[in-house]
C-alpha atoms as a PDB file:
ATOM      1  CA  UNK A   1      20.150 -29.021  50.944  1.00  0.00           C
ATOM      2  CA  UNK A   2      20.254 -28.788  46.978  1.00  0.00           C
ATOM      3  CA  UNK A   3      20.709 -31.888  45.258  1.00  0.00           C
ATOM      4  CA  UNK A   4      24.025 -31.926  42.640  1.00  0.00           C
ATOM      5  CA  UNK A   5      20.838 -31.594  39.738  1.00  0.00           C
ATOM      6  CA  UNK A   6      19.997 -28.517  41.307  1.00  0.00           C
ATOM      7  CA  UNK A   7      23.031 -26.543  41.841  1.00  0.00           C
ATOM      8  CA  UNK A   8      23.784 -23.620  39.743  1.00  0.00           C
ATOM      9  CA  UNK A   9      25.764 -25.054  36.528  1.00  0.00           C
ATOM     10  CA  UNK A  10      28.412 -22.668  35.140  1.00  0.00           C
ATOM     11  CA  UNK A  11      29.881 -22.977  32.179  1.00  0.00           C
ATOM     12  CA  UNK A  12      33.708 -22.782  31.155  1.00  0.00           C
ATOM     13  CA  UNK A  13      33.682 -21.195  27.604  1.00  0.00           C
ATOM     14  CA  UNK A  14      36.062 -20.053  25.037  1.00  0.00           C
ATOM     15  CA  UNK A  15      38.362 -20.430  22.524  1.00  0.00           C
ATOM     16  CA  UNK A  16      41.390 -23.164  22.764  1.00  0.00           C
ATOM     17  CA  UNK A  17      44.363 -22.186  25.622  1.00  0.00           C
ATOM     18  CA  UNK A  18      42.220 -18.719  26.779  1.00  0.00           C
ATOM     19  CA  UNK A  19      42.945 -20.636  30.241  1.00  0.00           C
ATOM     20  CA  UNK A  20      39.501 -22.090  31.149  1.00  0.00           C
ATOM     21  CA  UNK A  21      41.907 -25.355  32.454  1.00  0.00           C
ATOM     22  CA  UNK A  22      43.912 -22.835  34.598  1.00  0.00           C
ATOM     23  CA  UNK A  23      40.963 -20.483  35.763  1.00  0.00           C
ATOM     24  CA  UNK A  24      39.363 -23.909  37.715  1.00  0.00           C
ATOM     25  CA  UNK A  25      42.559 -25.619  38.443  1.00  0.00           C
ATOM     26  CA  UNK A  26      43.270 -21.700  40.975  1.00  0.00           C
ATOM     27  CA  UNK A  27      39.747 -22.189  41.951  1.00  0.00           C
ATOM     28  CA  UNK A  28      39.416 -25.855  43.082  1.00  0.00           C
ATOM     29  CA  UNK A  29      43.552 -25.744  43.931  1.00  0.00           C
ATOM     30  CA  UNK A  30      44.250 -29.149  42.057  1.00  0.00           C
ATOM     31  CA  UNK A  31      45.555 -29.794  39.061  1.00  0.00           C
ATOM     32  CA  UNK A  32      42.439 -31.705  37.936  1.00  0.00           C
ATOM     33  CA  UNK A  33      42.244 -30.604  34.238  1.00  0.00           C
ATOM     34  CA  UNK A  34      45.502 -30.791  32.351  1.00  0.00           C
ATOM     35  CA  UNK A  35      47.230 -27.471  31.566  1.00  0.00           C
ATOM     36  CA  UNK A  36      49.312 -27.002  28.515  1.00  0.00           C
ATOM     37  CA  UNK A  37      49.948 -24.633  25.666  1.00  0.00           C
ATOM     38  CA  UNK A  38      48.947 -27.662  23.235  1.00  0.00           C
ATOM     39  CA  UNK A  39      45.149 -26.482  21.615  1.00  0.00           C
ATOM     40  CA  UNK A  40      42.573 -29.251  22.350  1.00  0.00           C
ATOM     41  CA  UNK A  41      44.314 -30.956  25.581  1.00  0.00           C
ATOM     42  CA  UNK A  42      40.645 -30.219  27.522  1.00  0.00           C
ATOM     43  CA  UNK A  43      39.212 -33.418  25.156  1.00  0.00           C
ATOM     44  CA  UNK A  44      35.946 -33.971  27.135  1.00  0.00           C
ATOM     45  CA  UNK A  45      33.732 -31.572  28.918  1.00  0.00           C
ATOM     46  CA  UNK A  46      35.012 -32.440  32.707  1.00  0.00           C
ATOM     47  CA  UNK A  47      31.732 -31.169  35.406  1.00  0.00           C
ATOM     48  CA  UNK A  48      33.409 -30.137  39.181  1.00  0.00           C
ATOM     49  CA  UNK A  49      31.544 -29.557  42.160  1.00  0.00           C
ATOM     50  CA  UNK A  50      32.678 -26.125  43.684  1.00  0.00           C
ATOM     51  CA  UNK A  51      32.105 -25.760  47.334  1.00  0.00           C
ATOM     52  CA  UNK A  52      34.159 -22.929  48.976  1.00  0.00           C
ATOM     53  CA  UNK A  53      33.855 -19.685  50.166  1.00  0.00           C
ATOM     54  CA  UNK A  54      30.005 -19.760  50.522  1.00  0.00           C
ATOM     55  CA  UNK A  55      29.543 -20.587  47.112  1.00  0.00           C
ATOM     56  CA  UNK A  56      27.961 -23.925  46.227  1.00  0.00           C
ATOM     57  CA  UNK A  57      28.038 -24.892  42.729  1.00  0.00           C
ATOM     58  CA  UNK A  58      28.740 -27.313  39.214  1.00  0.00           C
ATOM     59  CA  UNK A  59      31.884 -25.603  37.367  1.00  0.00           C
ATOM     60  CA  UNK A  60      32.055 -27.372  33.708  1.00  0.00           C
ATOM     61  CA  UNK A  61      35.242 -27.106  31.744  1.00  0.00           C
ATOM     62  CA  UNK A  62      34.551 -26.861  28.099  1.00  0.00           C
ATOM     63  CA  UNK A  63      36.566 -28.996  25.327  1.00  0.00           C
ATOM     64  CA  UNK A  64      38.439 -25.102  23.782  1.00  0.00           C
ATOM     65  CA  UNK A  65      35.632 -23.905  20.454  1.00  0.00           C
ATOM     66  CA  UNK A  66      37.419 -23.837  17.415  1.00  0.00           C
ATOM     67  CA  UNK A  67      36.256 -22.596  13.959  1.00  0.00           C
ATOM     68  CA  UNK A  68      35.023 -25.810  11.906  1.00  0.00           C
ATOM     69  CA  UNK A  69      37.207 -25.770   9.689  1.00  0.00           C
ATOM     70  CA  UNK A  70      39.919 -25.976  12.312  1.00  0.00           C
ATOM     71  CA  UNK A  71      38.660 -29.044  13.688  1.00  0.00           C
ATOM     72  CA  UNK A  72      41.008 -32.285  11.555  1.00  0.00           C
ATOM     73  CA  UNK A  73      40.409 -34.961  13.266  1.00  0.00           C
ATOM     74  CA  UNK A  74      37.305 -36.831  14.591  1.00  0.00           C
ATOM     75  CA  UNK A  75      38.381 -36.807  18.424  1.00  0.00           C
ATOM     76  CA  UNK A  76      38.561 -32.931  18.181  1.00  0.00           C
ATOM     77  CA  UNK A  77      35.353 -32.510  16.134  1.00  0.00           C
ATOM     78  CA  UNK A  78      33.622 -34.165  19.147  1.00  0.00           C
ATOM     79  CA  UNK A  79      34.960 -31.843  21.818  1.00  0.00           C
ATOM     80  CA  UNK A  80      33.594 -29.016  19.736  1.00  0.00           C
ATOM     81  CA  UNK A  81      29.935 -30.570  19.872  1.00  0.00           C
ATOM     82  CA  UNK A  82      30.877 -31.612  23.838  1.00  0.00           C
ATOM     83  CA  UNK A  83      30.969 -28.029  23.835  1.00  0.00           C
ATOM     84  CA  UNK A  84      28.779 -27.058  22.577  1.00  0.00           C
ATOM     85  CA  UNK A  85      26.440 -29.183  24.514  1.00  0.00           C
ATOM     86  CA  UNK A  86      27.764 -28.030  28.093  1.00  0.00           C
ATOM     87  CA  UNK A  87      26.849 -24.242  26.804  1.00  0.00           C
ATOM     88  CA  UNK A  88      23.008 -25.910  26.498  1.00  0.00           C
ATOM     89  CA  UNK A  89      23.300 -27.894  29.909  1.00  0.00           C
ATOM     90  CA  UNK A  90      24.709 -25.143  31.738  1.00  0.00           C
ATOM     91  CA  UNK A  91      23.010 -21.937  33.391  1.00  0.00           C
ATOM     92  CA  UNK A  92      24.934 -19.274  33.339  1.00  0.00           C
ATOM     93  CA  UNK A  93      28.549 -19.368  30.548  1.00  0.00           C
ATOM     94  CA  UNK A  94      32.063 -17.707  31.784  1.00  0.00           C
ATOM     95  CA  UNK A  95      33.340 -16.657  28.546  1.00  0.00           C
ATOM     96  CA  UNK A  96      36.847 -16.981  28.782  1.00  0.00           C
ATOM     97  CA  UNK A  97      38.683 -13.914  26.170  1.00  0.00           C
ATOM     98  CA  UNK A  98      42.709 -14.130  26.093  1.00  0.00           C
ATOM     99  CA  UNK A  99      43.493 -10.296  27.291  1.00  0.00           C
ATOM    100  CA  UNK A 100      46.930 -11.164  24.624  1.00  0.00           C
ATOM    101  CA  UNK A 101      44.962 -11.398  22.066  1.00  0.00           C
ATOM    102  CA  UNK A 102      41.832  -9.343  22.317  1.00  0.00           C
ATOM    103  CA  UNK A 103      38.242 -10.210  21.652  1.00  0.00           C
ATOM    104  CA  UNK A 104      38.288 -11.711  17.982  1.00  0.00           C
ATOM    105  CA  UNK A 105      36.026 -13.310  15.497  1.00  0.00           C
ATOM    106  CA  UNK A 106      35.847 -17.124  17.404  1.00  0.00           C
ATOM    107  CA  UNK A 107      35.389 -14.871  20.619  1.00  0.00           C
ATOM    108  CA  UNK A 108      32.045 -13.374  19.003  1.00  0.00           C
ATOM    109  CA  UNK A 109      30.562 -16.902  17.555  1.00  0.00           C
ATOM    110  CA  UNK A 110      31.056 -18.506  20.920  1.00  0.00           C
ATOM    111  CA  UNK A 111      29.533 -15.221  22.608  1.00  0.00           C
ATOM    112  CA  UNK A 112      26.454 -15.313  20.163  1.00  0.00           C
ATOM    113  CA  UNK A 113      25.990 -19.037  21.102  1.00  0.00           C
ATOM    114  CA  UNK A 114      25.715 -18.879  24.597  1.00  0.00           C
ATOM    115  CA  UNK A 115      22.914 -15.864  23.786  1.00  0.00           C
ATOM    116  CA  UNK A 116      21.209 -17.789  20.815  1.00  0.00           C
ATOM    117  CA  UNK A 117      20.592 -20.363  24.022  1.00  0.00           C
ATOM    118  CA  UNK A 118      19.284 -17.608  26.335  1.00  0.00           C
ATOM    119  CA  UNK A 119      22.337 -18.743  28.707  1.00  0.00           C
ATOM    120  CA  UNK A 120      22.963 -15.951  31.546  1.00  0.00           C
ATOM    121  CA  UNK A 121      26.827 -14.510  29.771  1.00  0.00           C
ATOM    122  CA  UNK A 122      29.987 -12.822  32.114  1.00  0.00           C
ATOM    123  CA  UNK A 123      32.883 -11.907  29.837  1.00  0.00           C
ATOM    124  CA  UNK A 124      36.518 -12.551  31.712  1.00  0.00           C
ATOM    125  CA  UNK A 125      39.476 -11.229  30.226  1.00  0.00           C
ATOM    126  CA  UNK A 126      42.148 -13.649  31.388  1.00  0.00           C
ATOM    127  CA  UNK A 127      45.692 -13.038  31.038  1.00  0.00           C
ATOM    128  CA  UNK A 128      45.497  -9.305  31.907  1.00  0.00           C
ATOM    129  CA  UNK A 129      48.518  -9.417  33.635  1.00  0.00           C
ATOM    130  CA  UNK A 130      50.507 -10.379  30.562  1.00  0.00           C
ATOM    131  CA  UNK A 131      49.584  -7.276  28.622  1.00  0.00           C
ATOM    132  CA  UNK A 132      52.214  -4.799  28.220  1.00  0.00           C
ATOM    133  CA  UNK A 133      52.344  -1.178  27.830  1.00  0.00           C
ATOM    134  CA  UNK A 134      49.446  -0.971  29.571  1.00  0.00           C
ATOM    135  CA  UNK A 135      48.209   3.055  30.110  1.00  0.00           C
ATOM    136  CA  UNK A 136      45.689   4.789  32.657  1.00  0.00           C
ATOM    137  CA  UNK A 137      42.771   3.915  29.708  1.00  0.00           C
ATOM    138  CA  UNK A 138      43.890  -0.509  28.663  1.00  0.00           C
ATOM    139  CA  UNK A 139      41.137  -1.573  30.216  1.00  0.00           C
ATOM    140  CA  UNK A 140      38.651   0.962  29.330  1.00  0.00           C
ATOM    141  CA  UNK A 141      39.555   0.845  26.400  1.00  0.00           C
ATOM    142  CA  UNK A 142      39.278  -3.270  25.824  1.00  0.00           C
ATOM    143  CA  UNK A 143      36.284  -3.497  27.665  1.00  0.00           C
ATOM    144  CA  UNK A 144      34.693  -0.750  24.938  1.00  0.00           C
ATOM    145  CA  UNK A 145      36.385  -2.577  22.094  1.00  0.00           C
ATOM    146  CA  UNK A 146      34.505  -5.487  23.211  1.00  0.00           C
ATOM    147  CA  UNK A 147      31.191  -3.196  23.836  1.00  0.00           C
ATOM    148  CA  UNK A 148      30.822  -2.226  20.247  1.00  0.00           C
ATOM    149  CA  UNK A 149      32.133  -5.968  18.830  1.00  0.00           C
ATOM    150  CA  UNK A 150      28.902  -7.381  20.848  1.00  0.00           C
ATOM    151  CA  UNK A 151      26.862  -4.463  20.346  1.00  0.00           C
ATOM    152  CA  UNK A 152      23.742  -4.013  20.611  1.00  0.00           C
ATOM    153  CA  UNK A 153      24.324  -6.997  23.925  1.00  0.00           C
ATOM    154  CA  UNK A 154      25.516  -4.346  25.940  1.00  0.00           C
ATOM    155  CA  UNK A 155      24.077  -5.860  28.964  1.00  0.00           C
ATOM    156  CA  UNK A 156      27.037  -8.392  29.925  1.00  0.00           C
ATOM    157  CA  UNK A 157      28.766  -8.184  32.519  1.00  0.00           C
ATOM    158  CA  UNK A 158      32.908  -7.618  31.734  1.00  0.00           C
ATOM    159  CA  UNK A 159      35.957  -8.235  34.344  1.00  0.00           C
ATOM    160  CA  UNK A 160      39.079  -8.260  33.893  1.00  0.00           C
ATOM    161  CA  UNK A 161      40.893 -11.459  35.518  1.00  0.00           C
ATOM    162  CA  UNK A 162      44.347 -13.645  35.842  1.00  0.00           C
ATOM    163  CA  UNK A 163      43.736 -17.101  36.329  1.00  0.00           C
ATOM    164  CA  UNK A 164      47.809 -17.030  36.791  1.00  0.00           C
ATOM    165  CA  UNK A 165      47.657 -14.508  39.873  1.00  0.00           C
ATOM    166  CA  UNK A 166      43.924 -15.517  41.061  1.00  0.00           C
ATOM    167  CA  UNK A 167      43.704 -12.086  40.533  1.00  0.00           C
ATOM    168  CA  UNK A 168      39.855 -11.719  40.780  1.00  0.00           C
ATOM    169  CA  UNK A 169      38.453 -15.017  40.330  1.00  0.00           C
ATOM    170  CA  UNK A 170      36.069 -14.638  43.538  1.00  0.00           C
ATOM    171  CA  UNK A 171      34.284 -11.492  41.621  1.00  0.00           C
ATOM    172  CA  UNK A 172      34.062 -14.000  38.698  1.00  0.00           C
ATOM    173  CA  UNK A 173      32.242 -16.166  40.333  1.00  0.00           C
ATOM    174  CA  UNK A 174      29.758 -13.861  42.821  1.00  0.00           C
ATOM    175  CA  UNK A 175      29.190 -12.011  39.050  1.00  0.00           C
ATOM    176  CA  UNK A 176      28.195 -14.991  37.936  1.00  0.00           C
ATOM    177  CA  UNK A 177      25.853 -16.391  40.719  1.00  0.00           C
ATOM    178  CA  UNK A 178      24.269 -13.009  40.047  1.00  0.00           C
ATOM    179  CA  UNK A 179      23.559 -13.853  37.221  1.00  0.00           C
ATOM    180  CA  UNK A 180      22.355 -16.757  37.694  1.00  0.00           C
ATOM    181  CA  UNK A 181      19.504 -15.548  40.039  1.00  0.00           C
ATOM    182  CA  UNK A 182      18.368 -12.912  37.755  1.00  0.00           C
ATOM    183  CA  UNK A 183      17.430 -15.144  35.133  1.00  0.00           C
ATOM    184  CA  UNK A 184      15.467 -16.496  37.085  1.00  0.00           C
ATOM    185  CA  UNK A 185      13.869 -13.398  38.249  1.00  0.00           C
ATOM    186  CA  UNK A 186       9.894 -12.993  38.457  1.00  0.00           C
ATOM    187  CA  UNK A 187       8.083  -9.672  37.949  1.00  0.00           C
ATOM    188  CA  UNK A 188       4.086  -9.631  38.468  1.00  0.00           C
ATOM    189  CA  UNK A 189       1.664  -8.477  35.905  1.00  0.00           C
ATOM    190  CA  UNK A 190       1.005  -5.264  38.123  1.00  0.00           C
ATOM    191  CA  UNK A 191       4.082  -4.131  38.784  1.00  0.00           C
ATOM    192  CA  UNK A 192       5.176  -4.456  35.196  1.00  0.00           C
ATOM    193  CA  UNK A 193       2.120  -3.342  33.402  1.00  0.00           C
ATOM    194  CA  UNK A 194       2.512  -0.043  36.313  1.00  0.00           C
ATOM    195  CA  UNK A 195       6.360   0.805  35.206  1.00  0.00           C
ATOM    196  CA  UNK A 196       5.956   0.450  31.534  1.00  0.00           C
ATOM    197  CA  UNK A 197       2.663   1.586  30.569  1.00  0.00           C
ATOM    198  CA  UNK A 198       3.012   5.414  31.418  1.00  0.00           C
ATOM    199  CA  UNK A 199       6.237   5.290  29.319  1.00  0.00           C
ATOM    200  CA  UNK A 200       4.417   3.719  26.425  1.00  0.00           C
ATOM    201  CA  UNK A 201       1.868   6.249  26.649  1.00  0.00           C
ATOM    202  CA  UNK A 202       4.715   9.133  26.607  1.00  0.00           C
ATOM    203  CA  UNK A 203       6.591   7.244  23.640  1.00  0.00           C
ATOM    204  CA  UNK A 204       4.854   4.793  21.767  1.00  0.00           C
ATOM    205  CA  UNK A 205       5.816   3.181  18.399  1.00  0.00           C
ATOM    206  CA  UNK A 206       5.855   5.657  15.740  1.00  0.00           C
ATOM    207  CA  UNK A 207       2.632   5.681  13.617  1.00  0.00           C
ATOM    208  CA  UNK A 208       3.554   3.753  10.068  1.00  0.00           C
ATOM    209  CA  UNK A 209       1.092   4.133   7.558  1.00  0.00           C
ATOM    210  CA  UNK A 210      -1.306   6.655   9.652  1.00  0.00           C
ATOM    211  CA  UNK A 211      -2.215   3.904  12.242  1.00  0.00           C
ATOM    212  CA  UNK A 212      -1.792   4.419  15.848  1.00  0.00           C
ATOM    213  CA  UNK A 213      -0.088   1.869  17.206  1.00  0.00           C
ATOM    214  CA  UNK A 214      -0.977   1.077  21.492  1.00  0.00           C
ATOM    215  CA  UNK A 215       0.639  -0.968  23.861  1.00  0.00           C
ATOM    216  CA  UNK A 216      -2.124  -2.184  26.242  1.00  0.00           C
ATOM    217  CA  UNK A 217      -0.705  -4.776  28.172  1.00  0.00           C
ATOM    218  CA  UNK A 218       2.226  -6.498  29.435  1.00  0.00           C
ATOM    219  CA  UNK A 219       3.155  -9.813  30.881  1.00  0.00           C
ATOM    220  CA  UNK A 220       5.891 -11.954  31.779  1.00  0.00           C
ATOM    221  CA  UNK A 221       6.026 -15.404  29.901  1.00  0.00           C
ATOM    222  CA  UNK A 222       5.840 -18.674  32.418  1.00  0.00           C
ATOM    223  CA  UNK A 223       9.085 -19.363  30.293  1.00  0.00           C
ATOM    224  CA  UNK A 224      12.434 -21.185  32.357  1.00  0.00           C
ATOM    225  CA  UNK A 225      14.140 -17.817  31.252  1.00  0.00           C
ATOM    226  CA  UNK A 226      13.320 -14.301  31.573  1.00  0.00           C
ATOM    227  CA  UNK A 227      10.629 -13.930  28.259  1.00  0.00           C
ATOM    228  CA  UNK A 228       7.849 -11.282  28.037  1.00  0.00           C
ATOM    229  CA  UNK A 229       4.548  -9.758  26.043  1.00  0.00           C
ATOM    230  CA  UNK A 230       3.266  -6.773  25.122  1.00  0.00           C
ATOM    231  CA  UNK A 231       0.304  -6.448  24.280  1.00  0.00           C
ATOM    232  CA  UNK A 232      -0.826  -3.941  21.083  1.00  0.00           C
ATOM    233  CA  UNK A 233      -3.706  -3.447  18.294  1.00  0.00           C
ATOM    234  CA  UNK A 234      -1.175  -3.427  15.708  1.00  0.00           C
ATOM    235  CA  UNK A 235       2.349  -5.486  16.643  1.00  0.00           C
ATOM    236  CA  UNK A 236       2.596  -5.791  13.264  1.00  0.00           C
ATOM    237  CA  UNK A 237       4.101  -2.598  12.481  1.00  0.00           C
ATOM    238  CA  UNK A 238       6.661  -2.475  15.975  1.00  0.00           C
ATOM    239  CA  UNK A 239       9.608  -2.480  14.056  1.00  0.00           C
ATOM    240  CA  UNK A 240      13.180  -2.872  15.507  1.00  0.00           C
ATOM    241  CA  UNK A 241      14.205  -0.150  16.994  1.00  0.00           C
ATOM    242  CA  UNK A 242      11.793   0.185  19.312  1.00  0.00           C
ATOM    243  CA  UNK A 243      11.554  -3.229  20.031  1.00  0.00           C
ATOM    244  CA  UNK A 244      15.411  -2.045  21.274  1.00  0.00           C
ATOM    245  CA  UNK A 245      13.827   0.643  23.302  1.00  0.00           C
ATOM    246  CA  UNK A 246      11.373  -1.278  25.017  1.00  0.00           C
ATOM    247  CA  UNK A 247      13.972  -4.425  26.242  1.00  0.00           C
ATOM    248  CA  UNK A 248      16.123  -1.210  27.424  1.00  0.00           C
ATOM    249  CA  UNK A 249      13.455  -0.054  29.421  1.00  0.00           C
ATOM    250  CA  UNK A 250      12.672  -3.186  30.418  1.00  0.00           C
ATOM    251  CA  UNK A 251      16.621  -3.930  31.558  1.00  0.00           C
ATOM    252  CA  UNK A 252      16.423   0.501  33.068  1.00  0.00           C
ATOM    253  CA  UNK A 253      13.985  -0.499  35.481  1.00  0.00           C
ATOM    254  CA  UNK A 254      14.222  -4.242  36.524  1.00  0.00           C
ATOM    255  CA  UNK A 255      18.043  -5.689  36.527  1.00  0.00           C
ATOM    256  CA  UNK A 256      18.826  -8.317  33.946  1.00  0.00           C
ATOM    257  CA  UNK A 257      22.357  -7.666  33.761  1.00  0.00           C
ATOM    258  CA  UNK A 258      24.104 -10.792  31.994  1.00  0.00           C
ATOM    259  CA  UNK A 259      20.803 -11.905  31.000  1.00  0.00           C
ATOM    260  CA  UNK A 260      18.868 -12.268  27.276  1.00  0.00           C
ATOM    261  CA  UNK A 261      16.165 -11.242  27.485  1.00  0.00           C
ATOM    262  CA  UNK A 262      13.163 -12.227  25.009  1.00  0.00           C
ATOM    263  CA  UNK A 263      10.146 -10.001  23.745  1.00  0.00           C
ATOM    264  CA  UNK A 264       7.308 -10.724  21.522  1.00  0.00           C
ATOM    265  CA  UNK A 265       4.710  -8.277  20.385  1.00  0.00           C
ATOM    266  CA  UNK A 266       1.007  -9.701  20.104  1.00  0.00           C
ATOM    267  CA  UNK A 267      -2.227  -8.999  18.537  1.00  0.00           C
ATOM    268  CA  UNK A 268      -4.774  -7.549  21.572  1.00  0.00           C
END
């Protein structure tokens, strides 16, 4: 049996009042976390072991993250710091977005923080039941708006939930555990080269200053999260659009949904 430390750690993150504590209370079925409309009620990060419905992991409820300028009292400053620490100590972040307020700049900052820390990410749009005037495409349009704001990070799954009515909560957990497993994906060097080298040969990086660039070899690095090294004759001339092309091909052939991946070009 896995010890508590070896269990996946899922951090529930987001702005104050997005519904993080309600989400955890809905899952564990008891009011362990105080739920009120007062921003900053959850002062600390709480760890809860969740072992039901075939799942077994630790849930971290973080104090709501808000802009530093709004952090007036010391207590709230420390709860923001703990939230950041919770992101750092987690494996997968469930970013809770309030559907009634939309995906705002602060949501994007929190998303970027999780991505910068190389965490698996699942976006949960909460309080969807409270959105008025739902039309056929509202959900699709809402998702599209989020995707435009987090671009070019198109790899993140987005799921609409309601902590109040418990709608799709288990689906959200299922998705998070899948992301956790993908974060540990290892691809053998032979499979990587067999799959990607023919693609790079057919579509090489654009020539620069009359010099032709050739990617000769690739391998996954022995890091905790997925990172790949691509060896080329002139790596310094490979530009960002081609780096995105390489990442897209990696994602196309190997499932990294919800997982940030890092790509390095090195001289060979």
